[in-house]
Amino acid sequence: MSTPAVLATLALAACTPAAVTTTQDRPAAADRAAPIETALTPEQVAAATAITRAPAPRAAARASAAQMDTTTAEQKAAAAQAPQAAETRLGTTIASLGDPTEGGFWIKTPLVSARGIGRIVNPANGKSAKVDLIPLDGPASGGSQVSLPALQLIGVSLTDLPTIEVFRS
């Protein structure tokens, strides 16, 4: 994809309808480090966040989706693995590209009221990704925002608005 096409894609992704996006959907650094509510052991949470968290891309990395994705090959492989613990299905949501400057595998969704660890699944192809679950203000029927690497891992075009399934670990 050419540089202008990537920039146009990222610009369009930022134009999410106001009913789906709020001004509070960008968590402050303290929110990103908020405690995770889950039935997992502290060791399992530490292992999961080692997979889902990645640094933000450098400011100069605005030319392509590949430059915006700061996750490692090891993180991608681990995030794509089948779940190893019981998961609870939270529901389905319409997904759009979230802020591409926020690194890692995450979903901001109104389907959760507290941070957690979970998984998103693309029912069209069965691909899944382990993600941080981040609350997003709005009705449960509202859309969700997904990180660039998570969308790529589940085989979704950055300009699509797919229906995905959301699970809590």
N, C-alpha and C. Protein backbone atom coordinates (compact mmCIF):
# COMPACT_ATOMS: atom_id res chain seq x y z
N MET A 1 0.86 -1.17 0.00
CA MET A 1 0.00 0.00 0.00
C MET A 1 0.90 1.23 0.00
N SER A 2 0.60 2.21 -0.82
CA SER A 2 1.43 3.40 -0.90
C SER A 2 1.23 4.29 0.32
N THR A 3 2.20 5.17 0.53
CA THR A 3 2.14 6.07 1.68
C THR A 3 0.87 6.91 1.67
N PRO A 4 0.47 7.52 0.54
CA PRO A 4 -0.78 8.30 0.56
C PRO A 4 -2.00 7.45 0.89
N ALA A 5 -2.01 6.19 0.41
CA ALA A 5 -3.15 5.32 0.68
C ALA A 5 -3.23 4.98 2.16
N VAL A 6 -2.09 4.71 2.78
CA VAL A 6 -2.07 4.40 4.22
C VAL A 6 -2.52 5.62 5.02
N LEU A 7 -2.01 6.79 4.66
CA LEU A 7 -2.41 8.00 5.39
C LEU A 7 -3.90 8.27 5.22
N ALA A 8 -4.43 8.04 4.03
CA ALA A 8 -5.86 8.23 3.81
C ALA A 8 -6.66 7.23 4.64
N THR A 9 -6.18 5.99 4.71
CA THR A 9 -6.86 4.97 5.52
C THR A 9 -6.89 5.37 6.97
N LEU A 10 -5.74 5.81 7.48
CA LEU A 10 -5.68 6.22 8.89
C LEU A 10 -6.55 7.44 9.15
N ALA A 11 -6.60 8.36 8.21
CA ALA A 11 -7.44 9.55 8.38
C ALA A 11 -8.92 9.17 8.39
N LEU A 12 -9.31 8.25 7.49
CA LEU A 12 -10.71 7.80 7.47
C LEU A 12 -11.07 7.07 8.75
N ALA A 13 -10.14 6.29 9.27
CA ALA A 13 -10.41 5.54 10.50
C ALA A 13 -10.67 6.48 11.66
N ALA A 14 -10.06 7.65 11.62
CA ALA A 14 -10.26 8.62 12.70
C ALA A 14 -11.64 9.27 12.62
N CYS A 15 -12.35 9.07 11.54
CA CYS A 15 -13.67 9.68 11.34
C CYS A 15 -14.79 8.75 11.76
N THR A 16 -14.63 8.10 12.89
CA THR A 16 -15.65 7.19 13.40
C THR A 16 -16.85 8.01 13.87
N PRO A 17 -18.08 7.54 13.67
CA PRO A 17 -19.26 8.29 14.10
C PRO A 17 -19.22 8.60 15.60
N ALA A 18 -19.74 9.76 15.96
CA ALA A 18 -19.72 10.20 17.37
C ALA A 18 -20.49 9.25 18.28
N ALA A 19 -21.47 8.54 17.75
CA ALA A 19 -22.22 7.60 18.58
C ALA A 19 -21.37 6.42 19.02
N VAL A 20 -20.29 6.16 18.29
CA VAL A 20 -19.43 5.05 18.61
C VAL A 20 -18.20 5.51 19.40
N THR A 21 -17.74 6.71 19.15
CA THR A 21 -16.52 7.21 19.75
C THR A 21 -16.84 8.36 20.70
N THR A 22 -16.19 8.37 21.84
CA THR A 22 -16.34 9.48 22.76
C THR A 22 -14.99 10.13 22.97
N THR A 23 -14.99 11.32 23.53
CA THR A 23 -13.72 11.98 23.81
C THR A 23 -13.00 11.30 24.95
N GLN A 24 -13.66 10.40 25.65
CA GLN A 24 -13.03 9.70 26.76
C GLN A 24 -12.49 8.34 26.33
N ASP A 25 -12.45 8.04 25.02
CA ASP A 25 -12.05 6.71 24.61
C ASP A 25 -10.53 6.52 24.58
N ARG A 26 -9.77 7.58 24.76
CA ARG A 26 -8.33 7.46 24.82
C ARG A 26 -7.91 7.43 26.27
N PRO A 27 -7.52 6.25 26.76
CA PRO A 27 -7.15 6.18 28.17
C PRO A 27 -5.84 6.90 28.44
N ALA A 28 -5.81 7.57 29.56
CA ALA A 28 -4.57 8.19 29.99
C ALA A 28 -3.60 7.07 30.36
N ALA A 29 -2.33 7.40 30.51
CA ALA A 29 -1.33 6.40 30.85
C ALA A 29 -1.74 5.65 32.11
N ALA A 30 -2.32 6.35 33.07
CA ALA A 30 -2.76 5.69 34.31
C ALA A 30 -3.86 4.68 34.03
N ASP A 31 -4.76 4.99 33.08
CA ASP A 31 -5.83 4.05 32.73
C ASP A 31 -5.26 2.80 32.07
N ARG A 32 -4.25 2.94 31.23
CA ARG A 32 -3.65 1.79 30.55
C ARG A 32 -2.98 0.87 31.57
N ALA A 33 -2.57 1.43 32.71
CA ALA A 33 -1.92 0.62 33.74
C ALA A 33 -2.89 0.22 34.85
N ALA A 34 -4.17 0.52 34.67
CA ALA A 34 -5.18 0.20 35.70
C ALA A 34 -5.20 -1.29 35.97
N PRO A 35 -5.56 -1.69 37.19
CA PRO A 35 -5.61 -3.11 37.51
C PRO A 35 -6.58 -3.84 36.59
N ILE A 36 -6.22 -5.06 36.28
CA ILE A 36 -7.05 -5.88 35.41
C ILE A 36 -7.91 -6.79 36.27
N GLU A 37 -9.23 -6.77 36.02
CA GLU A 37 -10.17 -7.61 36.75
C GLU A 37 -10.37 -8.90 35.96
N THR A 38 -9.97 -10.00 36.55
CA THR A 38 -10.07 -11.28 35.87
C THR A 38 -9.98 -12.42 36.88
N ALA A 39 -10.38 -13.60 36.46
CA ALA A 39 -10.25 -14.78 37.31
C ALA A 39 -8.88 -15.43 37.14
N LEU A 40 -8.04 -14.85 36.29
CA LEU A 40 -6.70 -15.37 36.08
C LEU A 40 -5.82 -15.12 37.30
N THR A 41 -4.81 -15.95 37.47
CA THR A 41 -3.84 -15.74 38.55
C THR A 41 -2.96 -14.56 38.18
N PRO A 42 -2.29 -13.95 39.16
CA PRO A 42 -1.37 -12.84 38.84
C PRO A 42 -0.32 -13.24 37.81
N GLU A 43 0.14 -14.47 37.86
CA GLU A 43 1.14 -14.94 36.89
C GLU A 43 0.55 -15.00 35.48
N GLN A 44 -0.71 -15.45 35.39
CA GLN A 44 -1.37 -15.52 34.09
C GLN A 44 -1.61 -14.12 33.53
N VAL A 45 -1.97 -13.17 34.39
CA VAL A 45 -2.17 -11.79 33.95
C VAL A 45 -0.85 -11.22 33.45
N ALA A 46 0.24 -11.45 34.18
CA ALA A 46 1.55 -10.95 33.76
C ALA A 46 1.94 -11.54 32.40
N ALA A 47 1.70 -12.83 32.21
CA ALA A 47 2.02 -13.46 30.93
C ALA A 47 1.15 -12.89 29.81
N ALA A 48 -0.13 -12.66 30.09
CA ALA A 48 -1.04 -12.12 29.08
C ALA A 48 -0.67 -10.70 28.70
N THR A 49 -0.35 -9.86 29.67
CA THR A 49 0.00 -8.48 29.34
C THR A 49 1.35 -8.38 28.63
N ALA A 50 2.24 -9.36 28.85
CA ALA A 50 3.49 -9.39 28.10
C ALA A 50 3.20 -9.61 26.61
N ILE A 51 2.10 -10.29 26.33
CA ILE A 51 1.70 -10.53 24.95
C ILE A 51 0.97 -9.32 24.38
N THR A 52 0.06 -8.74 25.14
CA THR A 52 -0.85 -7.72 24.59
C THR A 52 -0.29 -6.31 24.59
N ARG A 53 0.68 -6.02 25.40
CA ARG A 53 1.20 -4.65 25.50
C ARG A 53 2.42 -4.44 24.62
N ALA A 54 2.50 -3.29 23.99
CA ALA A 54 3.64 -2.92 23.15
C ALA A 54 3.79 -1.41 23.21
N PRO A 55 4.99 -0.93 22.96
CA PRO A 55 5.18 0.53 23.00
C PRO A 55 4.47 1.22 21.85
N ALA A 56 4.20 2.49 22.05
CA ALA A 56 3.61 3.30 20.98
C ALA A 56 4.65 3.45 19.87
N PRO A 57 4.21 3.58 18.63
CA PRO A 57 5.18 3.78 17.54
C PRO A 57 5.88 5.12 17.68
N ARG A 58 7.07 5.19 17.11
CA ARG A 58 7.81 6.46 17.10
C ARG A 58 7.02 7.48 16.30
N ALA A 59 7.21 8.74 16.62
CA ALA A 59 6.48 9.82 15.94
C ALA A 59 6.73 9.80 14.44
N ALA A 60 7.91 9.39 14.01
CA ALA A 60 8.23 9.36 12.59
C ALA A 60 7.58 8.19 11.87
N ALA A 61 7.00 7.26 12.59
CA ALA A 61 6.42 6.05 12.00
C ALA A 61 5.00 6.28 11.53
N ARG A 62 4.79 7.21 10.68
CA ARG A 62 3.45 7.54 10.22
C ARG A 62 3.22 7.18 8.75
N ALA A 63 4.20 6.50 8.14
CA ALA A 63 4.11 6.27 6.71
C ALA A 63 3.38 4.99 6.34
N SER A 64 3.38 3.98 7.19
CA SER A 64 2.74 2.73 6.81
C SER A 64 2.20 2.00 8.03
N ALA A 65 1.27 1.09 7.77
CA ALA A 65 0.72 0.27 8.85
C ALA A 65 1.81 -0.57 9.48
N ALA A 66 2.75 -1.06 8.69
CA ALA A 66 3.84 -1.88 9.22
C ALA A 66 4.69 -1.08 10.20
N GLN A 67 4.91 0.19 9.94
CA GLN A 67 5.69 1.03 10.86
C GLN A 67 4.91 1.34 12.12
N MET A 68 3.59 1.39 12.03
CA MET A 68 2.76 1.70 13.19
C MET A 68 2.65 0.50 14.14
N ASP A 69 2.85 -0.71 13.64
CA ASP A 69 2.72 -1.92 14.44
C ASP A 69 4.05 -2.19 15.15
N THR A 70 4.07 -2.02 16.47
CA THR A 70 5.30 -2.21 17.25
C THR A 70 5.32 -3.56 17.96
N THR A 71 4.35 -4.42 17.70
CA THR A 71 4.35 -5.74 18.33
C THR A 71 5.42 -6.61 17.66
N THR A 72 5.96 -7.56 18.42
CA THR A 72 6.99 -8.44 17.91
C THR A 72 6.36 -9.68 17.27
N ALA A 73 7.17 -10.40 16.51
CA ALA A 73 6.70 -11.65 15.90
C ALA A 73 6.30 -12.65 16.99
N GLU A 74 7.03 -12.64 18.10
CA GLU A 74 6.71 -13.54 19.21
C GLU A 74 5.37 -13.17 19.84
N GLN A 75 5.10 -11.87 19.99
CA GLN A 75 3.82 -11.43 20.54
C GLN A 75 2.67 -11.83 19.61
N LYS A 76 2.87 -11.67 18.32
CA LYS A 76 1.82 -12.02 17.36
C LYS A 76 1.52 -13.51 17.41
N ALA A 77 2.58 -14.33 17.48
CA ALA A 77 2.38 -15.78 17.54
C ALA A 77 1.65 -16.17 18.83
N ALA A 78 2.04 -15.56 19.94
CA ALA A 78 1.40 -15.88 21.23
C ALA A 78 -0.05 -15.40 21.26
N ALA A 79 -0.31 -14.22 20.72
CA ALA A 79 -1.67 -13.67 20.72
C ALA A 79 -2.61 -14.49 19.84
N ALA A 80 -2.07 -15.13 18.81
CA ALA A 80 -2.90 -15.91 17.89
C ALA A 80 -3.18 -17.33 18.39
N GLN A 81 -2.52 -17.77 19.47
CA GLN A 81 -2.72 -19.12 19.97
C GLN A 81 -4.14 -19.31 20.51
N ALA A 82 -4.58 -20.55 20.47
CA ALA A 82 -5.90 -20.88 21.02
C ALA A 82 -5.92 -20.60 22.52
N PRO A 83 -7.09 -20.26 23.06
CA PRO A 83 -7.17 -19.97 24.50
C PRO A 83 -6.76 -21.17 25.34
N GLN A 84 -6.07 -20.90 26.45
CA GLN A 84 -5.60 -21.96 27.33
C GLN A 84 -6.44 -22.04 28.60
N ALA A 85 -7.29 -21.06 28.81
CA ALA A 85 -8.15 -21.03 30.00
C ALA A 85 -9.59 -20.83 29.54
N ALA A 86 -10.51 -21.05 30.46
CA ALA A 86 -11.93 -20.86 30.15
C ALA A 86 -12.18 -19.39 29.80
N GLU A 87 -13.05 -19.18 28.85
CA GLU A 87 -13.41 -17.82 28.45
C GLU A 87 -14.92 -17.66 28.50
N THR A 88 -15.36 -16.43 28.78
CA THR A 88 -16.77 -16.10 28.80
C THR A 88 -17.08 -15.22 27.60
N ARG A 89 -18.06 -15.61 26.82
CA ARG A 89 -18.45 -14.81 25.66
C ARG A 89 -19.21 -13.59 26.14
N LEU A 90 -18.74 -12.40 25.76
CA LEU A 90 -19.38 -11.15 26.17
C LEU A 90 -20.39 -10.67 25.14
N GLY A 91 -20.21 -11.04 23.88
CA GLY A 91 -21.13 -10.62 22.84
C GLY A 91 -20.40 -10.31 21.55
N THR A 92 -21.14 -9.69 20.63
CA THR A 92 -20.57 -9.28 19.36
C THR A 92 -20.59 -7.77 19.28
N THR A 93 -19.73 -7.23 18.44
CA THR A 93 -19.63 -5.78 18.28
C THR A 93 -19.13 -5.47 16.89
N ILE A 94 -19.46 -4.29 16.42
CA ILE A 94 -18.92 -3.80 15.16
C ILE A 94 -17.57 -3.15 15.50
N ALA A 95 -16.53 -3.58 14.82
CA ALA A 95 -15.18 -3.10 15.12
C ALA A 95 -14.70 -2.11 14.07
N SER A 96 -14.00 -1.08 14.54
CA SER A 96 -13.32 -0.16 13.65
C SER A 96 -11.90 0.01 14.14
N LEU A 97 -11.06 0.54 13.31
CA LEU A 97 -9.68 0.80 13.69
C LEU A 97 -9.63 1.86 14.78
N GLY A 98 -8.97 1.53 15.88
CA GLY A 98 -8.76 2.50 16.95
C GLY A 98 -7.56 3.37 16.65
N ASP A 99 -7.08 4.07 17.65
CA ASP A 99 -5.94 4.97 17.50
C ASP A 99 -4.69 4.17 17.13
N PRO A 100 -4.16 4.33 15.92
CA PRO A 100 -3.01 3.53 15.51
C PRO A 100 -1.72 3.92 16.23
N THR A 101 -1.74 5.00 16.99
CA THR A 101 -0.54 5.38 17.74
C THR A 101 -0.45 4.70 19.10
N GLU A 102 -1.48 3.93 19.47
CA GLU A 102 -1.46 3.16 20.71
C GLU A 102 -1.02 1.75 20.38
N GLY A 103 0.11 1.35 20.93
CA GLY A 103 0.68 0.05 20.62
C GLY A 103 -0.04 -1.10 21.30
N GLY A 104 0.23 -2.30 20.84
CA GLY A 104 -0.26 -3.51 21.48
C GLY A 104 -1.55 -4.03 20.89
N PHE A 105 -2.04 -5.11 21.50
CA PHE A 105 -3.28 -5.76 21.11
C PHE A 105 -4.35 -5.37 22.12
N TRP A 106 -5.37 -4.63 21.70
CA TRP A 106 -6.42 -4.18 22.61
C TRP A 106 -7.72 -3.95 21.86
N ILE A 107 -8.79 -3.91 22.64
CA ILE A 107 -10.11 -3.50 22.14
C ILE A 107 -10.72 -2.59 23.18
N LYS A 108 -11.23 -1.46 22.73
CA LYS A 108 -12.02 -0.56 23.58
C LYS A 108 -13.47 -0.84 23.23
N THR A 109 -14.22 -1.30 24.21
CA THR A 109 -15.58 -1.76 23.91
C THR A 109 -16.54 -1.46 25.05
N PRO A 110 -17.79 -1.14 24.73
CA PRO A 110 -18.79 -0.95 25.77
C PRO A 110 -19.27 -2.29 26.36
N LEU A 111 -18.74 -3.40 25.87
CA LEU A 111 -19.13 -4.71 26.40
C LEU A 111 -18.47 -5.02 27.74
N VAL A 112 -17.50 -4.19 28.17
CA VAL A 112 -16.86 -4.39 29.47
C VAL A 112 -16.96 -3.11 30.28
N SER A 113 -17.02 -3.28 31.60
CA SER A 113 -17.07 -2.12 32.50
C SER A 113 -15.77 -1.97 33.28
N ALA A 114 -14.87 -2.94 33.15
CA ALA A 114 -13.58 -2.90 33.83
C ALA A 114 -12.53 -3.51 32.92
N ARG A 115 -11.30 -3.03 33.06
CA ARG A 115 -10.20 -3.58 32.27
C ARG A 115 -10.07 -5.08 32.51
N GLY A 116 -9.62 -5.77 31.51
CA GLY A 116 -9.40 -7.20 31.64
C GLY A 116 -8.58 -7.75 30.49
N ILE A 117 -8.44 -9.04 30.49
CA ILE A 117 -7.76 -9.76 29.42
C ILE A 117 -8.81 -10.60 28.72
N GLY A 118 -8.74 -10.64 27.41
CA GLY A 118 -9.72 -11.42 26.68
C GLY A 118 -9.23 -11.79 25.30
N ARG A 119 -10.19 -12.06 24.44
CA ARG A 119 -9.88 -12.49 23.08
C ARG A 119 -10.96 -11.95 22.16
N ILE A 120 -10.55 -11.58 20.96
CA ILE A 120 -11.51 -11.22 19.92
C ILE A 120 -11.39 -12.27 18.82
N VAL A 121 -12.52 -12.58 18.20
CA VAL A 121 -12.58 -13.59 17.15
C VAL A 121 -13.29 -13.02 15.94
N ASN A 122 -12.71 -13.24 14.77
CA ASN A 122 -13.34 -12.87 13.52
C ASN A 122 -14.13 -14.10 13.05
N PRO A 123 -15.46 -14.10 13.18
CA PRO A 123 -16.24 -15.29 12.80
C PRO A 123 -16.17 -15.59 11.30
N ALA A 124 -15.77 -14.63 10.50
CA ALA A 124 -15.69 -14.85 9.06
C ALA A 124 -14.57 -15.82 8.69
N ASN A 125 -13.49 -15.86 9.50
CA ASN A 125 -12.38 -16.74 9.17
C ASN A 125 -11.87 -17.56 10.37
N GLY A 126 -12.43 -17.32 11.55
CA GLY A 126 -12.04 -18.07 12.74
C GLY A 126 -10.77 -17.59 13.41
N LYS A 127 -10.10 -16.59 12.85
CA LYS A 127 -8.86 -16.08 13.46
C LYS A 127 -9.18 -15.31 14.72
N SER A 128 -8.27 -15.40 15.71
CA SER A 128 -8.49 -14.71 16.97
C SER A 128 -7.21 -14.06 17.46
N ALA A 129 -7.37 -13.15 18.42
CA ALA A 129 -6.23 -12.46 19.03
C ALA A 129 -6.51 -12.24 20.50
N LYS A 130 -5.52 -12.51 21.32
CA LYS A 130 -5.59 -12.18 22.74
C LYS A 130 -5.42 -10.67 22.84
N VAL A 131 -6.26 -10.02 23.65
CA VAL A 131 -6.25 -8.56 23.73
C VAL A 131 -6.47 -8.07 25.16
N ASP A 132 -6.09 -6.82 25.39
CA ASP A 132 -6.51 -6.11 26.59
C ASP A 132 -7.93 -5.64 26.32
N LEU A 133 -8.82 -5.86 27.27
CA LEU A 133 -10.20 -5.35 27.19
C LEU A 133 -10.23 -4.02 27.92
N ILE A 134 -10.63 -2.97 27.23
CA ILE A 134 -10.66 -1.63 27.80
C ILE A 134 -12.07 -1.08 27.69
N PRO A 135 -12.65 -0.62 28.81
CA PRO A 135 -14.02 -0.09 28.75
C PRO A 135 -14.11 1.14 27.83
N LEU A 136 -15.23 1.25 27.15
CA LEU A 136 -15.53 2.40 26.29
C LEU A 136 -16.93 2.86 26.65
N ASP A 137 -17.09 4.13 26.95
CA ASP A 137 -18.41 4.66 27.28
C ASP A 137 -19.36 4.50 26.10
N GLY A 138 -20.59 4.19 26.43
CA GLY A 138 -21.61 4.07 25.40
C GLY A 138 -22.47 2.85 25.63
N PRO A 139 -23.55 2.74 24.86
CA PRO A 139 -24.44 1.58 25.02
C PRO A 139 -23.76 0.31 24.54
N ALA A 140 -24.17 -0.83 25.07
CA ALA A 140 -23.59 -2.12 24.68
C ALA A 140 -23.73 -2.37 23.19
N SER A 141 -24.72 -1.74 22.56
CA SER A 141 -24.92 -1.90 21.13
C SER A 141 -24.00 -1.01 20.30
N GLY A 142 -23.24 -0.14 20.99
CA GLY A 142 -22.32 0.74 20.29
C GLY A 142 -21.14 -0.04 19.73
N GLY A 143 -20.42 0.55 18.83
CA GLY A 143 -19.26 -0.10 18.22
C GLY A 143 -18.06 -0.10 19.14
N SER A 144 -17.02 -0.79 18.70
CA SER A 144 -15.79 -0.90 19.45
C SER A 144 -14.61 -0.47 18.58
N GLN A 145 -13.52 -0.10 19.25
CA GLN A 145 -12.30 0.28 18.55
C GLN A 145 -11.25 -0.77 18.85
N VAL A 146 -10.54 -1.20 17.81
CA VAL A 146 -9.56 -2.27 17.93
C VAL A 146 -8.21 -1.78 17.44
N SER A 147 -7.15 -2.23 18.10
CA SER A 147 -5.81 -1.80 17.71
C SER A 147 -5.45 -2.33 16.32
N LEU A 148 -4.57 -1.61 15.67
CA LEU A 148 -4.13 -1.97 14.33
C LEU A 148 -3.55 -3.39 14.30
N PRO A 149 -2.61 -3.76 15.21
CA PRO A 149 -2.08 -5.12 15.12
C PRO A 149 -3.13 -6.21 15.39
N ALA A 150 -4.11 -5.93 16.24
CA ALA A 150 -5.15 -6.92 16.52
C ALA A 150 -6.03 -7.12 15.29
N LEU A 151 -6.39 -6.04 14.60
CA LEU A 151 -7.19 -6.18 13.38
C LEU A 151 -6.44 -6.98 12.33
N GLN A 152 -5.15 -6.69 12.18
CA GLN A 152 -4.35 -7.41 11.19
C GLN A 152 -4.26 -8.89 11.55
N LEU A 153 -4.10 -9.19 12.84
CA LEU A 153 -3.96 -10.57 13.28
C LEU A 153 -5.22 -11.39 13.00
N ILE A 154 -6.38 -10.76 13.10
CA ILE A 154 -7.63 -11.51 12.85
C ILE A 154 -8.07 -11.41 11.39
N GLY A 155 -7.20 -10.86 10.55
CA GLY A 155 -7.46 -10.86 9.11
C GLY A 155 -8.50 -9.88 8.64
N VAL A 156 -8.53 -8.70 9.26
CA VAL A 156 -9.51 -7.68 8.89
C VAL A 156 -8.79 -6.51 8.23
N SER A 157 -9.34 -6.03 7.12
CA SER A 157 -8.80 -4.83 6.47
C SER A 157 -9.01 -3.64 7.40
N LEU A 158 -8.06 -2.73 7.41
CA LEU A 158 -8.13 -1.57 8.30
C LEU A 158 -9.30 -0.64 7.97
N THR A 159 -9.89 -0.79 6.79
CA THR A 159 -11.02 0.07 6.41
C THR A 159 -12.37 -0.63 6.58
N ASP A 160 -12.36 -1.92 6.94
CA ASP A 160 -13.61 -2.67 7.13
C ASP A 160 -14.25 -2.34 8.48
N LEU A 161 -15.52 -2.65 8.60
CA LEU A 161 -16.26 -2.55 9.85
C LEU A 161 -16.87 -3.93 10.14
N PRO A 162 -16.04 -4.90 10.53
CA PRO A 162 -16.55 -6.26 10.71
C PRO A 162 -17.28 -6.43 12.03
N THR A 163 -18.12 -7.45 12.07
CA THR A 163 -18.70 -7.89 13.34
C THR A 163 -17.74 -8.91 13.92
N ILE A 164 -17.31 -8.68 15.17
CA ILE A 164 -16.40 -9.62 15.83
C ILE A 164 -17.00 -10.07 17.15
N GLU A 165 -16.53 -11.21 17.62
CA GLU A 165 -16.96 -11.74 18.91
C GLU A 165 -15.93 -11.37 19.96
N VAL A 166 -16.41 -11.05 21.17
CA VAL A 166 -15.53 -10.64 22.26
C VAL A 166 -15.69 -11.61 23.43
N PHE A 167 -14.56 -12.05 23.98
CA PHE A 167 -14.54 -12.98 25.11
C PHE A 167 -13.67 -12.42 26.22
N ARG A 168 -14.01 -12.74 27.48
CA ARG A 168 -13.19 -12.38 28.64
C ARG A 168 -12.54 -13.67 29.14
N SER A 169 -11.23 -13.59 29.44
CA SER A 169 -10.50 -14.75 29.97
C SER A 169 -10.81 -14.92 31.44
